[in-house]
Amino acid sequence: MKTVLIVSHELLWPTNTGFRTRVVRMMRWLRGQGFRVVLLAKVDATPPHLASLFAGDCDEVITVNADSSRGWFLDTRRRVWMILRPLLARLRRQQQTVPAQPGEVRPPTSAEVRAAVFPHWMLDHFRRVAGRVRPDVVICEYVYMTGVFAHCPPGVLKIVDTIDVMSSRAEKIGALGVQDPMGCSREEEAALLRPADVVIAIQSEEARLLRNLSPSSNVITVGMDCPTAAAIPVDRPGAAPSVLVVGSDNASNLKGLSGFLEKAWPLIRASHPDATLRLVGNIARAVAGTPPPGVDCAGFVGDLAREYASATLVINPVFAGTGLKIKTVEALCHGAALVTFPTGVEGIDLGTGPAPWRCAETWDRFAENCSTLLGDASARTAQRHLALDFARASFSPESVYAPLLKVLTSGQ
């Protein structure tokens, strides 16, 4: 049995972000293919009952932190991380979009973020773990982790799962009015990609960008598989129309929600005064204190499938961002009638068939698409069928992981 060692900058639990969901599903697929899967994750503190959190997803979880590392740099690295933790939390809450006030802590620099993602003490742990588990394959999550490849045993297949094209983040995230310290230059990213035998892009457009960055790299596209609903949602007779948004509180989602509430939601409410907007996930925190009229801030829910099944309409109002829009994939797999912007479906290969979503270029058009679908049951039903048929063909494990299976079985 071959062993796959996955190296992550964070523990993949709880699976409340697109990144974590994507990697956990890939680990689950790898185990299903007969690989032994070991996760090496950097953490602040190891949660209790760790093994049970990943039961069925991987064979072994190894968590490491600065306290368990060796070397003279321990105390310094720990102090740096203690400084960076609140800065990164501030970054995630997007507070860097507000001009700094006197005495306010500055956002972290790119170098500081990279040091926090991949601290040098990780190398000691990686060498020890790799020596013990003797992996046949090492998969690094994000390009900034590729420093471990120089310390792999001979003959190991080295794969970087890029998740994002970091050199394109500055422009795309900058469109949101947000500084992005995770970005880097094209030259820096190309250098980080070179040690990898295989480069995974999360969607086809980013695969093209990565091939341009590193023409000699073997770039493959591996998105995210997602289970599909047994049938399309069925509207409840007499129920008020509802619009569902599912998401985390990252910059793209927050900017999209803000624009929707300001420019589209009033137009939709004018056409459908009884419509409600349900916010599921951490994105609900953005307006939980003073929600606008008709907005229901649900936050975390235990049964996401039930949310999709009961929604009249699902929207993904992101108009800028990077990577694969996991919530678009989930909505399609639940057979939802979906309205989004081009960014929301970027990198999802449509083929020659009709689009299983409605795509808008402006907020007025976005509102019009929503209002039309809310008022036309037959149009909703037709789009739901298109969505579910497309998802079954596009997001099955066999379809998504075929390129990865090829390199794992061929060795390159």
Protein backbone atom coordinates (compact mmCIF):
# COMPACT_ATOMS: atom_id res chain seq x y z
CA MET A 1 0.00 0.00 0.00
CA LYS A 2 1.40 3.40 -1.02
CA THR A 3 1.50 6.19 1.53
CA VAL A 4 0.48 9.78 0.75
CA LEU A 5 1.69 12.44 3.21
CA ILE A 6 -0.31 15.67 3.05
CA VAL A 7 1.33 18.76 4.55
CA SER A 8 -0.99 21.60 5.60
CA HIS A 9 -0.50 24.97 7.27
CA GLU A 10 -3.61 24.34 9.37
CA LEU A 11 -5.72 21.54 10.78
CA LEU A 12 -8.56 20.78 8.37
CA TRP A 13 -11.19 20.86 11.07
CA PRO A 14 -13.86 22.05 11.36
CA THR A 15 -14.61 21.81 7.63
CA ASN A 16 -16.19 25.26 7.55
CA THR A 17 -14.17 26.74 4.67
CA GLY A 18 -13.89 25.81 1.03
CA PHE A 19 -10.19 25.00 1.38
CA ARG A 20 -10.73 22.54 4.23
CA THR A 21 -13.70 20.90 2.54
CA ARG A 22 -11.75 20.48 -0.68
CA VAL A 23 -8.70 18.85 0.96
CA VAL A 24 -10.73 16.57 3.24
CA ARG A 25 -12.73 15.30 0.28
CA MET A 26 -9.49 14.63 -1.63
CA MET A 27 -8.10 12.68 1.35
CA ARG A 28 -11.30 10.65 1.50
CA TRP A 29 -10.98 9.83 -2.20
CA LEU A 30 -7.32 8.83 -1.80
CA ARG A 31 -8.22 6.38 0.95
CA GLY A 32 -10.98 5.00 -1.25
CA GLN A 33 -8.36 4.30 -3.91
CA GLY A 34 -6.36 2.21 -1.47
CA PHE A 35 -3.71 4.75 -0.42
CA ARG A 36 -2.61 5.17 3.17
CA VAL A 37 -3.17 8.85 3.96
CA VAL A 38 -1.24 10.74 6.65
CA LEU A 39 -1.97 14.38 7.46
CA LEU A 40 0.77 16.59 8.91
CA ALA A 41 -0.79 19.85 10.09
CA LYS A 42 0.50 22.93 11.87
CA VAL A 43 -1.72 23.89 14.81
CA ASP A 44 -1.76 26.22 17.80
CA ALA A 45 -3.17 23.50 20.04
CA THR A 46 -4.22 19.94 19.33
CA PRO A 47 -7.99 19.48 19.82
CA PRO A 48 -9.28 16.60 21.94
CA HIS A 49 -10.46 13.40 20.26
CA LEU A 50 -8.30 14.23 17.24
CA ALA A 51 -8.51 10.78 15.66
CA SER A 52 -12.30 10.78 15.71
CA LEU A 53 -12.44 14.11 13.87
CA PHE A 54 -10.91 12.54 10.76
CA ALA A 55 -12.29 9.02 11.05
CA GLY A 56 -12.75 7.71 7.52
CA ASP A 57 -10.81 10.60 5.97
CA CYS A 58 -7.21 9.66 6.74
CA ASP A 59 -5.23 6.95 8.50
CA GLU A 60 -3.14 9.16 10.77
CA VAL A 61 -3.15 12.80 11.85
CA ILE A 62 0.07 14.38 13.13
CA THR A 63 -0.19 17.86 14.61
CA VAL A 64 2.83 20.03 15.33
CA ASN A 65 3.47 23.47 16.75
CA ALA A 66 6.34 25.63 17.92
CA ASP A 67 6.17 24.13 21.42
CA SER A 68 6.95 20.68 20.08
CA SER A 69 9.79 21.78 17.80
CA ARG A 70 13.51 21.61 18.52
CA GLY A 71 16.28 24.14 18.18
CA TRP A 72 17.55 27.44 19.51
CA PHE A 73 14.96 29.44 17.54
CA LEU A 74 11.97 28.04 19.45
CA ASP A 75 11.25 30.99 21.74
CA THR A 76 11.76 33.57 19.00
CA ARG A 77 9.50 31.76 16.56
CA ARG A 78 6.84 31.34 19.22
CA ARG A 79 6.91 35.04 20.04
CA VAL A 80 6.63 35.94 16.35
CA TRP A 81 3.63 33.64 15.95
CA MET A 82 1.94 35.07 19.04
CA ILE A 83 2.27 38.49 17.40
CA LEU A 84 1.01 37.27 14.05
CA ARG A 85 -2.05 35.41 15.34
CA PRO A 86 -4.11 38.51 16.13
CA LEU A 87 -2.86 40.18 12.97
CA LEU A 88 -4.02 37.26 10.83
CA ALA A 89 -7.35 37.16 12.66
CA ARG A 90 -7.73 40.85 11.88
CA LEU A 91 -6.91 40.13 8.25
CA ARG A 92 -9.54 37.41 8.04
CA ARG A 93 -12.14 39.79 9.43
CA GLN A 94 -11.12 42.21 6.67
CA GLN A 95 -10.47 45.03 9.11
CA GLN A 96 -7.53 46.06 6.98
CA THR A 97 -10.04 47.65 4.57
CA VAL A 98 -10.53 50.44 7.13
CA PRO A 99 -7.80 53.13 7.17
CA ALA A 100 -5.44 52.60 10.07
CA GLN A 101 -6.07 54.80 13.09
CA PRO A 102 -3.38 56.10 15.43
CA GLY A 103 -2.27 53.29 17.71
CA GLU A 104 -3.96 50.60 15.60
CA VAL A 105 -1.96 47.44 14.87
CA ARG A 106 -0.83 47.36 11.23
CA PRO A 107 -1.75 44.49 8.91
CA PRO A 108 0.91 41.79 8.50
CA THR A 109 3.36 42.06 5.62
CA SER A 110 3.68 39.41 2.92
CA ALA A 111 6.90 38.10 4.48
CA GLU A 112 5.25 37.81 7.90
CA VAL A 113 2.28 35.93 6.52
CA ARG A 114 4.51 33.49 4.67
CA ALA A 115 6.59 32.92 7.81
CA ALA A 116 3.38 32.18 9.71
CA VAL A 117 2.11 29.80 7.01
CA PHE A 118 5.41 27.93 6.74
CA PRO A 119 7.66 28.55 9.77
CA HIS A 120 11.16 27.10 9.60
CA TRP A 121 10.51 24.80 12.53
CA MET A 122 8.12 22.83 10.29
CA LEU A 123 11.12 21.39 8.49
CA ASP A 124 12.35 19.56 11.60
CA HIS A 125 8.94 17.98 12.03
CA PHE A 126 8.64 17.11 8.37
CA ARG A 127 12.00 15.35 8.30
CA ARG A 128 11.11 13.27 11.36
CA VAL A 129 7.62 12.42 10.10
CA ALA A 130 8.82 11.57 6.59
CA GLY A 131 11.52 9.36 8.04
CA ARG A 132 8.94 7.46 10.08
CA VAL A 133 5.99 7.12 7.66
CA ARG A 134 8.21 6.71 4.55
CA PRO A 135 5.79 8.36 2.09
CA ASP A 136 5.63 7.48 -1.58
CA VAL A 137 3.90 10.78 -2.32
CA VAL A 138 4.04 14.17 -0.58
CA ILE A 139 1.29 16.70 -1.30
CA CYS A 140 1.80 20.25 -0.04
CA GLU A 141 -1.19 22.53 0.38
CA TYR A 142 -0.40 25.98 -1.05
CA VAL A 143 2.76 26.91 -2.91
CA TYR A 144 4.41 28.41 0.19
CA MET A 145 4.82 24.91 1.68
CA THR A 146 7.05 23.60 -1.12
CA GLY A 147 10.13 24.19 1.03
CA VAL A 148 9.62 20.66 2.40
CA PHE A 149 10.33 19.11 -1.01
CA ALA A 150 14.08 19.59 -0.59
CA HIS A 151 13.87 17.33 2.47
CA CYS A 152 11.87 14.48 0.90
CA PRO A 153 13.46 11.04 0.81
CA PRO A 154 14.74 9.94 -2.63
CA GLY A 155 12.10 8.67 -5.05
CA VAL A 156 9.16 10.51 -3.48
CA LEU A 157 6.61 12.01 -5.89
CA LYS A 158 6.32 15.69 -4.96
CA ILE A 159 2.97 17.40 -5.63
CA VAL A 160 1.93 20.95 -4.79
CA ASP A 161 -1.81 21.60 -4.50
CA THR A 162 -1.78 25.33 -5.28
CA ILE A 163 -5.40 26.19 -4.30
CA ASP A 164 -4.70 29.76 -5.57
CA VAL A 165 -2.36 31.39 -8.05
CA MET A 166 -0.63 33.67 -5.58
CA SER A 167 0.88 36.02 -8.15
CA SER A 168 -2.57 36.89 -9.46
CA ARG A 169 -4.11 37.53 -6.05
CA ALA A 170 -2.91 41.12 -5.71
CA GLU A 171 -4.84 42.21 -8.79
CA LYS A 172 -7.96 40.14 -8.12
CA ILE A 173 -8.22 40.77 -4.39
CA GLY A 174 -7.17 44.37 -4.98
CA ALA A 175 -10.35 44.78 -7.01
CA LEU A 176 -12.18 44.41 -3.70
CA GLY A 177 -10.28 47.32 -2.18
CA VAL A 178 -8.40 44.93 0.09
CA GLN A 179 -4.64 44.58 0.49
CA ASP A 180 -3.57 40.97 0.14
CA PRO A 181 -0.31 40.00 1.88
CA MET A 182 -0.68 36.41 0.64
CA GLY A 183 0.31 37.46 -2.87
CA CYS A 184 3.76 37.28 -4.43
CA SER A 185 5.50 38.13 -7.70
CA ARG A 186 5.41 35.91 -10.78
CA GLU A 187 9.13 35.21 -10.39
CA GLU A 188 8.71 34.19 -6.75
CA GLU A 189 5.84 31.86 -7.53
CA ALA A 190 7.67 30.28 -10.46
CA ALA A 191 10.63 29.54 -8.17
CA LEU A 192 8.33 27.98 -5.57
CA LEU A 193 6.71 25.76 -8.22
CA ARG A 194 9.97 24.35 -9.66
CA PRO A 195 10.74 21.76 -6.95
CA ALA A 196 7.38 20.04 -7.56
CA ASP A 197 7.06 17.06 -9.87
CA VAL A 198 3.36 17.81 -10.34
CA VAL A 199 1.44 21.07 -9.91
CA ILE A 200 -2.29 20.90 -9.15
CA ALA A 201 -4.50 23.78 -10.27
CA ILE A 202 -7.95 23.94 -8.72
CA GLN A 203 -9.62 25.11 -11.93
CA SER A 204 -8.84 25.31 -15.64
CA GLU A 205 -8.17 29.05 -15.91
CA GLU A 206 -5.62 28.86 -13.10
CA ALA A 207 -4.04 25.84 -14.80
CA ARG A 208 -3.39 28.08 -17.81
CA LEU A 209 -1.84 30.76 -15.58
CA LEU A 210 0.39 28.21 -13.84
CA ARG A 211 1.62 26.78 -17.15
CA ASN A 212 2.58 30.28 -18.22
CA LEU A 213 4.43 30.78 -14.94
CA SER A 214 6.28 27.49 -15.09
CA PRO A 215 6.26 26.01 -18.62
CA SER A 216 8.35 23.00 -17.59
CA SER A 217 5.94 21.94 -14.81
CA ASN A 218 3.47 19.10 -15.18
CA VAL A 219 0.27 21.03 -14.41
CA ILE A 220 -3.00 19.14 -13.90
CA THR A 221 -6.46 20.37 -12.94
CA VAL A 222 -8.15 18.85 -9.91
CA GLY A 223 -11.24 20.62 -8.60
CA MET A 224 -13.52 19.32 -5.89
CA ASP A 225 -15.85 16.36 -5.99
CA CYS A 226 -19.19 16.83 -4.34
CA PRO A 227 -22.06 14.43 -3.68
CA THR A 228 -25.18 15.28 -5.65
CA ALA A 229 -28.73 15.41 -4.40
CA ALA A 230 -31.06 12.54 -5.26
CA ALA A 231 -33.54 14.97 -6.81
CA ILE A 232 -34.04 18.68 -7.41
CA PRO A 233 -35.59 20.82 -4.65
CA VAL A 234 -39.37 21.04 -4.63
CA ASP A 235 -41.05 24.30 -3.63
CA ARG A 236 -43.39 24.11 -0.67
CA PRO A 237 -46.92 25.21 -1.55
CA GLY A 238 -47.70 28.62 -0.09
CA ALA A 239 -44.16 29.20 1.22
CA ALA A 240 -42.71 32.70 0.92
CA PRO A 241 -39.84 32.95 -1.60
CA SER A 242 -36.39 32.64 -0.06
CA VAL A 243 -32.91 33.48 -1.29
CA LEU A 244 -29.98 31.56 0.21
CA VAL A 245 -26.36 32.65 0.62
CA VAL A 246 -23.85 30.17 2.06
CA GLY A 247 -20.31 31.30 2.75
CA SER A 248 -17.45 32.21 5.04
CA ASP A 249 -16.53 35.76 5.98
CA ASN A 250 -13.64 36.16 3.54
CA ALA A 251 -13.10 39.38 1.61
CA SER A 252 -14.74 38.21 -1.62
CA ASN A 253 -17.87 37.01 0.13
CA LEU A 254 -18.22 40.10 2.32
CA LYS A 255 -17.79 42.51 -0.57
CA GLY A 256 -20.26 40.55 -2.64
CA LEU A 257 -22.84 40.48 0.14
CA SER A 258 -22.40 44.20 0.79
CA GLY A 259 -22.97 45.03 -2.87
CA PHE A 260 -25.96 42.73 -3.06
CA LEU A 261 -27.63 44.22 0.00
CA GLU A 262 -27.05 47.74 -1.22
CA LYS A 263 -27.78 47.44 -4.92
CA ALA A 264 -29.83 44.30 -5.62
CA TRP A 265 -31.81 43.33 -2.53
CA PRO A 266 -33.98 46.51 -2.49
CA LEU A 267 -34.93 45.88 -6.13
CA ILE A 268 -35.80 42.25 -5.39
CA ARG A 269 -37.86 43.23 -2.34
CA ALA A 270 -39.73 45.77 -4.45
CA SER A 271 -40.84 42.93 -6.76
CA HIS A 272 -41.24 40.33 -3.99
CA PRO A 273 -41.98 42.09 -0.68
CA ASP A 274 -42.36 38.77 1.15
CA ALA A 275 -38.96 37.42 0.05
CA THR A 276 -36.35 36.59 2.68
CA LEU A 277 -32.57 36.41 2.42
CA ARG A 278 -31.06 33.64 4.56
CA LEU A 279 -27.37 33.90 5.44
CA VAL A 280 -25.71 30.62 6.40
CA GLY A 281 -22.13 30.35 7.62
CA ASN A 282 -19.75 32.93 9.06
CA ILE A 283 -20.86 35.43 6.43
CA ALA A 284 -23.91 36.05 8.63
CA ARG A 285 -21.66 37.82 11.15
CA ALA A 286 -21.36 40.77 8.77
CA VAL A 287 -24.93 41.94 9.42
CA ALA A 288 -25.98 39.91 12.47
CA GLY A 289 -26.10 42.99 14.72
CA THR A 290 -28.44 45.04 12.55
CA PRO A 291 -29.79 42.86 9.72
CA PRO A 292 -31.58 44.73 6.92
CA PRO A 293 -35.30 44.10 6.35
CA GLY A 294 -36.03 40.57 5.23
CA VAL A 295 -32.60 39.21 6.17
CA ASP A 296 -32.30 36.11 8.36
CA CYS A 297 -28.82 35.58 9.87
CA ALA A 298 -28.73 31.83 10.51
CA GLY A 299 -24.95 31.45 10.88
CA PHE A 300 -23.70 27.91 11.40
CA VAL A 301 -26.21 25.15 10.67
CA GLY A 302 -25.93 21.43 11.19
CA ASP A 303 -27.71 20.35 8.00
CA LEU A 304 -26.59 22.27 4.93
CA ALA A 305 -28.46 19.96 2.55
CA ARG A 306 -31.71 21.00 4.20
CA GLU A 307 -30.90 24.65 3.56
CA TYR A 308 -30.37 24.06 -0.14
CA ALA A 309 -33.48 21.91 -0.39
CA SER A 310 -35.72 24.57 1.16
CA ALA A 311 -34.34 27.60 -0.72
CA THR A 312 -36.27 29.02 -3.64
CA LEU A 313 -33.11 30.49 -5.09
CA VAL A 314 -29.37 30.38 -4.28
CA ILE A 315 -26.99 33.22 -5.05
CA ASN A 316 -23.21 33.55 -5.05
CA PRO A 317 -22.68 37.31 -5.40
CA VAL A 318 -18.87 37.31 -5.62
CA PHE A 319 -17.59 39.67 -8.31
CA ALA A 320 -13.86 39.28 -7.68
CA GLY A 321 -11.64 36.61 -6.19
CA THR A 322 -9.42 33.61 -6.90
CA GLY A 323 -9.57 29.85 -6.91
CA LEU A 324 -12.60 27.61 -7.37
CA LYS A 325 -15.85 28.90 -5.91
CA ILE A 326 -16.72 25.93 -3.72
CA LYS A 327 -20.18 27.29 -2.86
CA THR A 328 -21.04 27.42 -6.57
CA VAL A 329 -20.10 23.75 -6.83
CA GLU A 330 -22.19 22.88 -3.77
CA ALA A 331 -25.22 24.79 -5.05
CA LEU A 332 -25.12 23.01 -8.40
CA CYS A 333 -24.71 19.63 -6.71
CA HIS A 334 -27.85 20.31 -4.68
CA GLY A 335 -29.78 21.12 -7.83
CA ALA A 336 -30.23 24.78 -6.90
CA ALA A 337 -31.44 27.55 -9.17
CA LEU A 338 -28.30 29.69 -9.01
CA VAL A 339 -27.59 33.34 -9.82
CA THR A 340 -24.01 34.60 -9.80
CA PHE A 341 -21.41 36.78 -11.52
CA PRO A 342 -18.78 35.49 -14.01
CA THR A 343 -16.26 35.23 -11.15
CA GLY A 344 -18.60 32.80 -9.39
CA VAL A 345 -18.29 30.26 -12.20
CA GLU A 346 -14.72 31.01 -13.33
CA GLY A 347 -12.84 27.86 -14.23
CA ILE A 348 -15.92 25.62 -14.30
CA ASP A 349 -15.88 24.12 -17.79
CA LEU A 350 -19.34 24.42 -19.27
CA GLY A 351 -18.77 22.52 -22.49
CA THR A 352 -21.34 22.94 -25.23
CA GLY A 353 -24.53 22.58 -23.20
CA PRO A 354 -26.77 25.31 -21.79
CA ALA A 355 -25.55 27.13 -18.69
CA PRO A 356 -26.93 25.59 -15.47
CA TRP A 357 -26.84 29.01 -13.81
CA ARG A 358 -27.87 32.59 -14.54
CA CYS A 359 -24.92 34.93 -14.81
CA ALA A 360 -25.08 38.73 -14.51
CA GLU A 361 -22.60 41.48 -15.32
CA THR A 362 -24.26 44.25 -13.28
CA TRP A 363 -26.19 44.48 -10.03
CA ASP A 364 -29.33 45.56 -11.88
CA ARG A 365 -29.14 42.47 -14.05
CA PHE A 366 -28.36 40.36 -10.99
CA ALA A 367 -31.53 41.63 -9.30
CA GLU A 368 -33.55 41.07 -12.48
CA ASN A 369 -32.38 37.45 -12.73
CA CYS A 370 -33.29 36.84 -9.09
CA SER A 371 -36.71 38.45 -9.41
CA THR A 372 -37.50 36.48 -12.56
CA LEU A 373 -36.61 33.14 -11.01
CA LEU A 374 -38.44 33.93 -7.77
CA GLY A 375 -41.60 34.61 -9.76
CA ASP A 376 -41.40 31.83 -12.35
CA ALA A 377 -41.72 28.30 -10.97
CA SER A 378 -41.29 26.64 -14.36
CA ALA A 379 -38.05 28.54 -15.04
CA ARG A 380 -36.73 27.55 -11.59
CA THR A 381 -37.57 23.90 -12.19
CA ALA A 382 -35.86 23.90 -15.58
CA GLN A 383 -32.72 25.49 -14.17
CA ARG A 384 -32.65 23.09 -11.24
CA HIS A 385 -32.69 20.13 -13.62
CA LEU A 386 -29.86 21.68 -15.65
CA ALA A 387 -27.83 22.23 -12.48
CA LEU A 388 -28.21 18.70 -11.16
CA ASP A 389 -27.51 17.07 -14.53
CA PHE A 390 -24.40 19.22 -14.98
CA ALA A 391 -23.16 18.47 -11.45
CA ARG A 392 -23.55 14.72 -11.87
CA ALA A 393 -21.43 14.85 -15.01
CA SER A 394 -18.83 17.34 -13.77
CA PHE A 395 -18.25 16.83 -10.04
CA SER A 396 -18.20 13.07 -9.61
CA PRO A 397 -15.01 11.67 -8.03
CA GLU A 398 -14.25 9.78 -11.24
CA SER A 399 -14.33 13.00 -13.26
CA VAL A 400 -12.59 15.30 -10.79
CA TYR A 401 -9.72 13.05 -9.74
CA ALA A 402 -8.94 11.32 -13.07
CA PRO A 403 -5.84 13.53 -13.72
CA LEU A 404 -4.55 12.93 -10.18
CA LEU A 405 -5.12 9.19 -10.38
CA LYS A 406 -3.13 9.12 -13.59
CA VAL A 407 -0.04 10.74 -12.05
CA LEU A 408 -0.30 8.67 -8.87
CA THR A 409 -0.43 5.40 -10.75
CA SER A 410 2.19 6.36 -13.34
CA GLY A 411 4.55 7.98 -10.83
CA GLN A 412 4.66 11.31 -12.71
